[in-house]
Amino acid sequence: QVQLVESGGGLVQAGGSLRLSCAASGRTFSGYAMGWFRQAPGKEREFVASISQSGGGTYVADSVKGRFTISRDNAKNTVYLQIDSLKPEDTALYYCAAGAYYRGVNSYAYWGQGTQVTVAS
């Protein structure tokens, strides 16, 4: 069992930046691959980015590549999502998840409650 809590969302103007954080409880964080997903109103869940247990492997969706960067700090039990050059279409609920394999987008078993990102148009 792992508890995930996202933070860092908010209202931002188009072109701005945000850094989202996902803090995990317990001492098992380094054993999980971590992923970021998002879901906008009326749309399906979308994979955003993921990172391997050690941080040595990352995978970023083509739709956000170049603007989104994922990283993790295992000493702090935290995974981050840096978002640059925000666009209105980035508006969504962003949530993190823990799984066994960072590129297995359907294998994530534990989920946070999400943090809302709203980009003014």
C-alpha atoms as a PDB file:
ATOM      1  CA  GLN A   1       0.000   0.000   0.000  1.00  0.00           C
ATOM      2  CA  VAL A   2       1.157   3.496  -0.838  1.00  0.00           C
ATOM      3  CA  GLN A   3      -0.597   6.824  -0.360  1.00  0.00           C
ATOM      4  CA  LEU A   4      -0.059   9.451  -3.053  1.00  0.00           C
ATOM      5  CA  VAL A   5      -0.806  13.155  -2.622  1.00  0.00           C
ATOM      6  CA  GLU A   6      -0.446  15.613  -5.491  1.00  0.00           C
ATOM      7  CA  SER A   7       0.144  19.337  -5.135  1.00  0.00           C
ATOM      8  CA  GLY A   8       1.267  22.336  -7.158  1.00  0.00           C
ATOM      9  CA  GLY A   9      -1.718  22.859  -9.403  1.00  0.00           C
ATOM     10  CA  GLY A  10      -3.545  26.125  -9.795  1.00  0.00           C
ATOM     11  CA  LEU A  11      -4.638  28.849 -12.164  1.00  0.00           C
ATOM     12  CA  VAL A  12      -1.975  30.129 -14.536  1.00  0.00           C
ATOM     13  CA  GLN A  13      -1.837  32.262 -17.666  1.00  0.00           C
ATOM     14  CA  ALA A  14      -1.051  30.678 -21.005  1.00  0.00           C
ATOM     15  CA  GLY A  15       2.697  30.574 -21.549  1.00  0.00           C
ATOM     16  CA  GLY A  16       3.458  30.178 -17.871  1.00  0.00           C
ATOM     17  CA  SER A  17       4.952  27.256 -15.974  1.00  0.00           C
ATOM     18  CA  LEU A  18       4.036  24.975 -13.099  1.00  0.00           C
ATOM     19  CA  ARG A  19       5.780  22.253 -11.168  1.00  0.00           C
ATOM     20  CA  LEU A  20       3.529  19.521  -9.873  1.00  0.00           C
ATOM     21  CA  SER A  21       4.600  17.301  -6.989  1.00  0.00           C
ATOM     22  CA  CYS A  22       3.426  13.899  -5.852  1.00  0.00           C
ATOM     23  CA  ALA A  23       4.446  12.836  -2.366  1.00  0.00           C
ATOM     24  CA  ALA A  24       4.296   9.187  -1.345  1.00  0.00           C
ATOM     25  CA  SER A  25       3.968   7.828   2.159  1.00  0.00           C
ATOM     26  CA  GLY A  26       5.832   4.861   3.553  1.00  0.00           C
ATOM     27  CA  ARG A  27       9.219   3.451   2.640  1.00  0.00           C
ATOM     28  CA  THR A  28       8.372   1.663  -0.601  1.00  0.00           C
ATOM     29  CA  PHE A  29       8.509   4.619  -3.001  1.00  0.00           C
ATOM     30  CA  SER A  30      11.774   3.592  -4.640  1.00  0.00           C
ATOM     31  CA  GLY A  31      10.273   0.219  -5.525  1.00  0.00           C
ATOM     32  CA  TYR A  32       7.627   1.742  -7.818  1.00  0.00           C
ATOM     33  CA  ALA A  33       7.674   3.177 -11.260  1.00  0.00           C
ATOM     34  CA  MET A  34       5.725   6.426 -11.252  1.00  0.00           C
ATOM     35  CA  GLY A  35       3.489   7.970 -13.862  1.00  0.00           C
ATOM     36  CA  TRP A  36       1.578  11.181 -14.458  1.00  0.00           C
ATOM     37  CA  PHE A  37      -1.822  11.193 -16.134  1.00  0.00           C
ATOM     38  CA  ARG A  38      -4.412  13.839 -16.836  1.00  0.00           C
ATOM     39  CA  GLN A  39      -8.096  14.012 -17.601  1.00  0.00           C
ATOM     40  CA  ALA A  40      -9.951  17.013 -18.970  1.00  0.00           C
ATOM     41  CA  PRO A  41     -13.736  17.412 -18.734  1.00  0.00           C
ATOM     42  CA  GLY A  42     -15.444  15.343 -21.400  1.00  0.00           C
ATOM     43  CA  LYS A  43     -12.246  13.554 -22.406  1.00  0.00           C
ATOM     44  CA  GLU A  44     -10.639  10.209 -21.709  1.00  0.00           C
ATOM     45  CA  ARG A  45      -7.729   9.755 -19.356  1.00  0.00           C
ATOM     46  CA  GLU A  46      -4.457  10.610 -21.066  1.00  0.00           C
ATOM     47  CA  PHE A  47      -0.978   9.369 -20.286  1.00  0.00           C
ATOM     48  CA  VAL A  48       1.489  12.198 -19.766  1.00  0.00           C
ATOM     49  CA  ALA A  49       4.851  10.895 -18.547  1.00  0.00           C
ATOM     50  CA  SER A  50       6.466   8.180 -16.455  1.00  0.00           C
ATOM     51  CA  ILE A  51       9.754   7.375 -14.790  1.00  0.00           C
ATOM     52  CA  SER A  52      11.466   4.173 -13.703  1.00  0.00           C
ATOM     53  CA  GLN A  53      12.230   3.218 -10.122  1.00  0.00           C
ATOM     54  CA  SER A  54      15.784   4.500 -10.226  1.00  0.00           C
ATOM     55  CA  GLY A  55      14.963   7.506 -12.373  1.00  0.00           C
ATOM     56  CA  GLY A  56      17.186   6.203 -15.149  1.00  0.00           C
ATOM     57  CA  GLY A  57      14.370   5.745 -17.620  1.00  0.00           C
ATOM     58  CA  THR A  58      11.696   8.248 -18.624  1.00  0.00           C
ATOM     59  CA  TYR A  59       8.849   8.140 -21.085  1.00  0.00           C
ATOM     60  CA  VAL A  60       6.956  11.228 -22.224  1.00  0.00           C
ATOM     61  CA  ALA A  61       3.891  11.333 -24.426  1.00  0.00           C
ATOM     62  CA  ASP A  62       4.501  12.744 -27.898  1.00  0.00           C
ATOM     63  CA  SER A  63       1.731  15.274 -27.398  1.00  0.00           C
ATOM     64  CA  VAL A  64       3.615  17.032 -24.592  1.00  0.00           C
ATOM     65  CA  LYS A  65       7.225  16.185 -25.392  1.00  0.00           C
ATOM     66  CA  GLY A  66       9.469  19.213 -25.173  1.00  0.00           C
ATOM     67  CA  ARG A  67       7.252  21.000 -22.654  1.00  0.00           C
ATOM     68  CA  PHE A  68       6.807  18.405 -19.894  1.00  0.00           C
ATOM     69  CA  THR A  69       9.646  16.928 -17.831  1.00  0.00           C
ATOM     70  CA  ILE A  70       9.317  14.191 -15.229  1.00  0.00           C
ATOM     71  CA  SER A  71      11.791  13.597 -12.411  1.00  0.00           C
ATOM     72  CA  ARG A  72      11.925  11.960  -8.998  1.00  0.00           C
ATOM     73  CA  ASP A  73      13.761  12.305  -5.721  1.00  0.00           C
ATOM     74  CA  ASN A  74      13.678   8.984  -3.923  1.00  0.00           C
ATOM     75  CA  ALA A  75      15.226  10.478  -0.789  1.00  0.00           C
ATOM     76  CA  LYS A  76      12.150  12.728  -0.532  1.00  0.00           C
ATOM     77  CA  ASN A  77       9.636  10.115  -1.746  1.00  0.00           C
ATOM     78  CA  THR A  78       8.495  12.588  -4.374  1.00  0.00           C
ATOM     79  CA  VAL A  79       7.957  12.636  -8.120  1.00  0.00           C
ATOM     80  CA  TYR A  80       7.698  15.894 -10.064  1.00  0.00           C
ATOM     81  CA  LEU A  81       6.192  17.080 -13.302  1.00  0.00           C
ATOM     82  CA  GLN A  82       7.612  20.316 -14.678  1.00  0.00           C
ATOM     83  CA  ILE A  83       5.258  21.917 -17.186  1.00  0.00           C
ATOM     84  CA  ASP A  84       6.484  24.782 -19.350  1.00  0.00           C
ATOM     85  CA  SER A  85       4.765  26.906 -21.999  1.00  0.00           C
ATOM     86  CA  LEU A  86       1.324  26.049 -20.699  1.00  0.00           C
ATOM     87  CA  LYS A  87      -1.538  26.017 -23.171  1.00  0.00           C
ATOM     88  CA  PRO A  88      -5.287  26.199 -22.538  1.00  0.00           C
ATOM     89  CA  GLU A  89      -5.593  22.601 -23.720  1.00  0.00           C
ATOM     90  CA  ASP A  90      -3.383  21.554 -20.795  1.00  0.00           C
ATOM     91  CA  THR A  91      -6.276  22.320 -18.466  1.00  0.00           C
ATOM     92  CA  ALA A  92      -7.088  19.065 -16.677  1.00  0.00           C
ATOM     93  CA  LEU A  93      -6.991  17.165 -13.435  1.00  0.00           C
ATOM     94  CA  TYR A  94      -3.454  15.823 -13.101  1.00  0.00           C
ATOM     95  CA  TYR A  95      -2.805  12.785 -10.978  1.00  0.00           C
ATOM     96  CA  CYS A  96       0.068  10.470 -10.276  1.00  0.00           C
ATOM     97  CA  ALA A  97       0.142   6.705 -10.048  1.00  0.00           C
ATOM     98  CA  ALA A  98       2.495   3.941  -8.928  1.00  0.00           C
ATOM     99  CA  GLY A  99       3.139   0.722 -10.803  1.00  0.00           C
ATOM    100  CA  ALA A 100       5.617  -2.007 -11.601  1.00  0.00           C
ATOM    101  CA  TYR A 101       6.853  -0.908 -15.035  1.00  0.00           C
ATOM    102  CA  TYR A 102       7.132   2.696 -16.124  1.00  0.00           C
ATOM    103  CA  ARG A 103       6.180   2.057 -19.756  1.00  0.00           C
ATOM    104  CA  GLY A 104       3.229  -0.163 -18.896  1.00  0.00           C
ATOM    105  CA  VAL A 105       0.562   2.534 -19.062  1.00  0.00           C
ATOM    106  CA  ASN A 106      -2.209   0.125 -18.051  1.00  0.00           C
ATOM    107  CA  SER A 107      -0.308  -1.430 -15.148  1.00  0.00           C
ATOM    108  CA  TYR A 108      -0.584   1.331 -12.547  1.00  0.00           C
ATOM    109  CA  ALA A 109      -2.293   0.100  -9.399  1.00  0.00           C
ATOM    110  CA  TYR A 110      -2.157   3.030  -6.953  1.00  0.00           C
ATOM    111  CA  TRP A 111      -3.505   6.496  -7.650  1.00  0.00           C
ATOM    112  CA  GLY A 112      -3.585   9.897  -6.045  1.00  0.00           C
ATOM    113  CA  GLN A 113      -6.599  12.190  -5.852  1.00  0.00           C
ATOM    114  CA  GLY A 114      -5.242  14.645  -8.387  1.00  0.00           C
ATOM    115  CA  THR A 115      -4.382  18.320  -8.564  1.00  0.00           C
ATOM    116  CA  GLN A 116      -6.220  20.737 -10.830  1.00  0.00           C
ATOM    117  CA  VAL A 117      -4.358  22.710 -13.479  1.00  0.00           C
ATOM    118  CA  THR A 118      -6.315  25.503 -15.124  1.00  0.00           C
ATOM    119  CA  VAL A 119      -4.760  27.573 -17.904  1.00  0.00           C
ATOM    120  CA  ALA A 120      -6.410  30.868 -18.757  1.00  0.00           C
ATOM    121  CA  SER A 121      -7.052  31.379 -22.451  1.00  0.00           C
END
